[in-house]
Protein backbone atom coordinates (compact mmCIF):
# COMPACT_ATOMS: atom_id res chain seq x y z
CA UNK A 1 37.91 94.44 54.66
CA UNK A 2 38.11 95.18 58.40
CA UNK A 3 37.87 98.91 57.73
CA UNK A 4 34.22 98.43 56.66
CA UNK A 5 33.22 97.12 60.09
CA UNK A 6 32.06 100.37 61.72
CA UNK A 7 30.27 101.47 58.58
CA UNK A 8 28.52 98.08 58.30
CA UNK A 9 27.42 98.14 61.96
CA UNK A 10 25.95 101.63 61.45
CA UNK A 11 24.15 100.48 58.32
CA UNK A 12 22.73 97.41 60.08
CA UNK A 13 21.83 99.37 63.20
CA UNK A 14 19.68 101.69 61.08
CA UNK A 15 17.84 98.68 59.66
CA UNK A 16 17.56 96.58 62.83
CA UNK A 17 17.09 99.39 65.34
CA UNK A 18 19.40 97.62 67.79
CA UNK A 19 23.17 98.07 67.99
CA UNK A 20 23.75 94.70 69.70
CA UNK A 21 21.85 92.87 66.94
CA UNK A 22 23.72 94.90 64.31
CA UNK A 23 27.09 93.92 65.82
CA UNK A 24 26.03 90.26 65.91
CA UNK A 25 25.00 90.30 62.26
CA UNK A 26 28.21 92.13 61.28
CA UNK A 27 30.30 89.49 63.08
CA UNK A 28 28.36 86.71 61.38
CA UNK A 29 28.79 88.40 57.99
CA UNK A 30 32.55 88.67 58.50
CA UNK A 31 32.68 85.00 59.49
CA UNK A 32 30.71 83.98 56.40
CA UNK A 33 33.07 85.95 54.17
CA UNK A 34 36.11 84.51 55.94
CA UNK A 35 34.70 80.97 55.67
CA UNK A 36 34.57 81.12 51.88
CA UNK A 37 36.68 78.27 50.62
CA UNK A 38 36.84 79.10 46.94
CA UNK A 39 40.08 80.74 46.01
CA UNK A 40 38.34 83.15 43.65
CA UNK A 41 39.08 86.74 44.58
CA UNK A 42 36.07 88.80 45.66
CA UNK A 43 35.71 91.49 43.01
CA UNK A 44 33.89 94.06 45.21
CA UNK A 45 34.57 93.16 48.86
CA UNK A 46 32.46 95.97 50.35
CA UNK A 47 29.41 95.08 48.26
CA UNK A 48 29.91 91.37 48.95
CA UNK A 49 30.11 91.99 52.71
CA UNK A 50 26.97 94.16 52.66
CA UNK A 51 25.05 91.60 50.58
CA UNK A 52 26.10 88.85 53.01
CA UNK A 53 24.98 90.96 55.98
CA UNK A 54 21.63 91.76 54.36
CA UNK A 55 21.07 88.07 53.61
CA UNK A 56 21.74 87.32 57.29
CA UNK A 57 19.23 90.00 58.33
CA UNK A 58 16.61 88.40 56.07
CA UNK A 59 17.41 84.92 57.45
CA UNK A 60 17.21 86.24 61.00
CA UNK A 61 13.83 87.84 60.27
CA UNK A 62 12.47 84.63 58.71
CA UNK A 63 13.62 82.55 61.70
CA UNK A 64 11.94 85.03 64.02
CA UNK A 65 8.66 84.77 62.07
CA UNK A 66 8.79 80.96 62.07
CA UNK A 67 9.49 80.90 65.81
CA UNK A 68 6.49 83.13 66.46
CA UNK A 69 4.24 80.92 64.34
CA UNK A 70 5.38 77.57 65.80
CA UNK A 71 3.30 76.14 68.63
CA UNK A 72 5.26 75.12 71.73
CA UNK A 73 4.27 71.46 71.28
CA UNK A 74 6.34 71.37 68.07
CA UNK A 75 9.42 72.44 70.03
CA UNK A 76 8.80 69.68 72.60
CA UNK A 77 8.64 67.00 69.92
CA UNK A 78 11.42 68.40 67.74
CA UNK A 79 14.37 65.98 67.69
CA UNK A 80 16.91 68.82 67.74
CA UNK A 81 15.99 69.55 71.34
CA UNK A 82 16.69 66.01 72.59
CA UNK A 83 20.03 64.91 73.98
CA UNK A 84 22.60 64.43 71.20
CA UNK A 85 24.22 61.07 70.59
CA UNK A 86 27.46 60.34 72.53
CA UNK A 87 29.53 60.50 69.32
CA UNK A 88 28.11 63.97 68.67
CA UNK A 89 29.05 65.01 72.23
CA UNK A 90 32.61 63.78 71.68
CA UNK A 91 32.88 65.71 68.42
CA UNK A 92 31.66 68.86 70.20
CA UNK A 93 34.18 68.29 73.00
CA UNK A 94 36.98 67.94 70.44
CA UNK A 95 35.94 71.13 68.64
CA UNK A 96 35.73 72.96 71.95
CA UNK A 97 39.25 71.79 72.85
CA UNK A 98 40.53 73.01 69.46
CA UNK A 99 38.79 76.35 69.95
CA UNK A 100 40.36 76.75 73.40
CA UNK A 101 43.74 75.91 71.90
CA UNK A 102 43.26 78.55 69.17
CA UNK A 103 42.17 81.13 71.75
CA UNK A 104 45.25 80.27 73.80
CA UNK A 105 47.43 81.41 70.90
CA UNK A 106 45.99 84.94 71.01
CA UNK A 107 47.29 87.83 73.07
CA UNK A 108 45.53 88.24 76.41
CA UNK A 109 43.72 91.43 75.39
CA UNK A 110 42.56 89.93 72.07
CA UNK A 111 41.31 86.77 73.83
CA UNK A 112 39.62 88.82 76.57
CA UNK A 113 37.77 90.96 73.99
CA UNK A 114 36.53 87.86 72.19
CA UNK A 115 35.45 86.04 75.36
CA UNK A 116 33.76 89.09 76.88
CA UNK A 117 31.79 89.58 73.65
CA UNK A 118 30.95 86.03 72.63
CA UNK A 119 30.58 84.33 76.02
CA UNK A 120 29.65 87.14 78.39
CA UNK A 121 27.61 89.11 75.84
CA UNK A 122 29.13 92.50 76.67
CA UNK A 123 28.80 95.27 74.10
CA UNK A 124 31.89 96.70 72.44
CA UNK A 125 31.55 99.83 74.57
CA UNK A 126 31.30 97.81 77.79
CA UNK A 127 34.39 95.80 76.83
CA UNK A 128 36.30 98.98 76.00
CA UNK A 129 35.45 100.47 79.39
CA UNK A 130 36.20 97.21 81.20
CA UNK A 131 39.63 96.79 79.56
CA UNK A 132 40.50 100.48 79.34
CA UNK A 133 41.00 100.46 75.55
CA UNK A 134 39.20 102.17 72.68
CA UNK A 135 36.03 100.75 71.19
CA UNK A 136 37.70 100.58 67.79
CA UNK A 137 40.52 98.48 69.23
CA UNK A 138 37.93 96.14 70.79
CA UNK A 139 36.31 95.70 67.36
CA UNK A 140 39.67 94.96 65.73
CA UNK A 141 40.57 92.42 68.40
CA UNK A 142 37.26 90.60 68.02
CA UNK A 143 37.55 90.41 64.24
CA UNK A 144 41.18 89.26 64.51
CA UNK A 145 40.23 86.61 67.08
CA UNK A 146 37.46 85.31 64.83
CA UNK A 147 39.81 85.19 61.83
CA UNK A 148 42.49 83.40 63.82
CA UNK A 149 40.11 80.84 65.32
CA UNK A 150 38.46 80.14 61.97
CA UNK A 151 41.84 79.66 60.28
CA UNK A 152 43.20 77.38 63.01
CA UNK A 153 39.99 75.31 63.20
CA UNK A 154 40.17 74.76 59.42
CA UNK A 155 43.84 73.75 59.65
CA UNK A 156 43.33 71.34 62.53
CA UNK A 157 40.12 69.77 61.26
CA UNK A 158 41.54 68.94 57.81
């Protein structure tokens, strides 16, 4: 399914008008597909991936519309914005530790690609230039890192 990545990003870029947003949606779509827990084989993986991505685009658009319509006072009073309970903090700390452990199992270049993209927000092209590798290799490393982390997190949390 990884070989659809470039094609999917191009498709999303045409709809969103922004390559960065298209890459974000493509990553999220891959994660959603990888997170599927049912053992049933996906009959048409390309179509399933595209449908997932389009659903994410629609969700993203709806969230954007809601955010524009919400007065700022609602955000001030919304409980989600208040400090989480200590038990919630501990759970987040544990998940973060597991994620760091999973990232530690990756090769340096794979980990660097993932961190530069997800934490530093660099584009695939910027990462490729920074690391001196091809853009396509950057994309593969990021997808592989996401797969690995998702798999390990599932293993360790169950």
